[in-house]
Amino acid sequence: MVARLRKIVFDHTEGAPYPYVCSAWREVGGMNVGDKFTQEVGDVLIEALREDGIEIVVEELQPKGDR
């Protein structure tokens, strides 16, 4: 099983509430199901999944437009 996480980096000066949000995605029945986490929760999630032997793919993205 592979968990894919997208880390989107936000600039606080642009009014974003968090430095970044981790979006955790998994494929369920051909659909992507996701949830968003703050940096701290995302980091704990990544560590826990790796400890359980789940491969983690992290893709770092910059926010687009007015995201």
C-alpha atoms as a PDB file:
ATOM      1  CA  MET A   1       0.000   0.000   0.000  1.00  0.00           C
ATOM      2  CA  VAL A   2       1.227   3.469  -0.859  1.00  0.00           C
ATOM      3  CA  ALA A   3      -0.035   6.624   0.842  1.00  0.00           C
ATOM      4  CA  ARG A   4       0.444   9.802  -1.179  1.00  0.00           C
ATOM      5  CA  LEU A   5       0.767  13.094   0.656  1.00  0.00           C
ATOM      6  CA  ARG A   6       0.785  16.515  -0.950  1.00  0.00           C
ATOM      7  CA  LYS A   7       2.466  19.177   1.130  1.00  0.00           C
ATOM      8  CA  ILE A   8       1.296  22.647   0.088  1.00  0.00           C
ATOM      9  CA  VAL A   9       3.401  25.508   1.452  1.00  0.00           C
ATOM     10  CA  PHE A  10       1.567  28.723   2.329  1.00  0.00           C
ATOM     11  CA  ASP A  11       3.037  32.104   3.242  1.00  0.00           C
ATOM     12  CA  HIS A  12       1.646  33.508   6.513  1.00  0.00           C
ATOM     13  CA  THR A  13       1.812  37.017   5.066  1.00  0.00           C
ATOM     14  CA  GLU A  14      -0.836  36.027   2.519  1.00  0.00           C
ATOM     15  CA  GLY A  15      -3.318  35.290   5.287  1.00  0.00           C
ATOM     16  CA  ALA A  16      -2.963  31.511   5.393  1.00  0.00           C
ATOM     17  CA  PRO A  17      -3.752  30.086   8.847  1.00  0.00           C
ATOM     18  CA  TYR A  18      -0.953  27.464   8.723  1.00  0.00           C
ATOM     19  CA  PRO A  19       2.577  27.302   7.252  1.00  0.00           C
ATOM     20  CA  TYR A  20       1.453  24.329   5.197  1.00  0.00           C
ATOM     21  CA  VAL A  21      -1.265  21.743   4.942  1.00  0.00           C
ATOM     22  CA  CYS A  22      -0.613  18.065   4.282  1.00  0.00           C
ATOM     23  CA  SER A  23      -3.250  16.503   2.097  1.00  0.00           C
ATOM     24  CA  ALA A  24      -3.281  12.747   2.613  1.00  0.00           C
ATOM     25  CA  TRP A  25      -4.685  10.778  -0.302  1.00  0.00           C
ATOM     26  CA  ARG A  26      -5.478   7.112  -0.726  1.00  0.00           C
ATOM     27  CA  GLU A  27      -7.231   5.335  -3.521  1.00  0.00           C
ATOM     28  CA  VAL A  28     -10.537   3.718  -2.572  1.00  0.00           C
ATOM     29  CA  GLY A  29     -12.568   2.003  -5.257  1.00  0.00           C
ATOM     30  CA  GLY A  30     -10.875   4.000  -7.989  1.00  0.00           C
ATOM     31  CA  MET A  31     -11.546   7.335  -6.273  1.00  0.00           C
ATOM     32  CA  ASN A  32      -9.078   9.518  -4.403  1.00  0.00           C
ATOM     33  CA  VAL A  33     -10.174  10.103  -0.822  1.00  0.00           C
ATOM     34  CA  GLY A  34      -8.345  12.799   1.097  1.00  0.00           C
ATOM     35  CA  ASP A  35      -8.180  14.875   4.208  1.00  0.00           C
ATOM     36  CA  LYS A  36      -6.196  17.947   5.213  1.00  0.00           C
ATOM     37  CA  PHE A  37      -3.972  18.331   8.252  1.00  0.00           C
ATOM     38  CA  THR A  38      -1.794  20.986   9.824  1.00  0.00           C
ATOM     39  CA  GLN A  39       1.967  20.486   9.633  1.00  0.00           C
ATOM     40  CA  GLU A  40       2.203  18.901  13.094  1.00  0.00           C
ATOM     41  CA  VAL A  41      -0.601  16.401  12.519  1.00  0.00           C
ATOM     42  CA  GLY A  42       0.706  15.595   9.039  1.00  0.00           C
ATOM     43  CA  ASP A  43       4.192  14.865  10.369  1.00  0.00           C
ATOM     44  CA  VAL A  44       2.801  12.530  13.061  1.00  0.00           C
ATOM     45  CA  LEU A  45       0.664  10.777  10.441  1.00  0.00           C
ATOM     46  CA  ILE A  46       3.662  10.245   8.141  1.00  0.00           C
ATOM     47  CA  GLU A  47       5.739   8.804  10.990  1.00  0.00           C
ATOM     48  CA  ALA A  48       2.940   6.462  12.127  1.00  0.00           C
ATOM     49  CA  LEU A  49       2.297   5.153   8.610  1.00  0.00           C
ATOM     50  CA  ARG A  50       6.004   4.517   8.019  1.00  0.00           C
ATOM     51  CA  GLU A  51       6.230   2.633  11.327  1.00  0.00           C
ATOM     52  CA  ASP A  52       3.379   0.428  10.085  1.00  0.00           C
ATOM     53  CA  GLY A  53       5.383  -0.366   6.939  1.00  0.00           C
ATOM     54  CA  ILE A  54       3.303   1.759   4.565  1.00  0.00           C
ATOM     55  CA  GLU A  55       5.265   3.454   1.819  1.00  0.00           C
ATOM     56  CA  ILE A  56       4.890   7.241   1.860  1.00  0.00           C
ATOM     57  CA  VAL A  57       5.259   9.438  -1.217  1.00  0.00           C
ATOM     58  CA  VAL A  58       5.458  13.152  -0.373  1.00  0.00           C
ATOM     59  CA  GLU A  59       5.026  15.719  -3.137  1.00  0.00           C
ATOM     60  CA  GLU A  60       5.792  19.322  -2.187  1.00  0.00           C
ATOM     61  CA  LEU A  61       3.695  21.882  -4.047  1.00  0.00           C
ATOM     62  CA  GLN A  62       3.545  25.665  -4.064  1.00  0.00           C
ATOM     63  CA  PRO A  63       0.095  27.223  -3.778  1.00  0.00           C
ATOM     64  CA  LYS A  64      -1.427  28.371  -7.038  1.00  0.00           C
ATOM     65  CA  GLY A  65      -3.095  31.737  -7.426  1.00  0.00           C
ATOM     66  CA  ASP A  66      -5.115  32.801  -4.404  1.00  0.00           C
ATOM     67  CA  ARG A  67      -5.218  29.405  -2.674  1.00  0.00           C
END
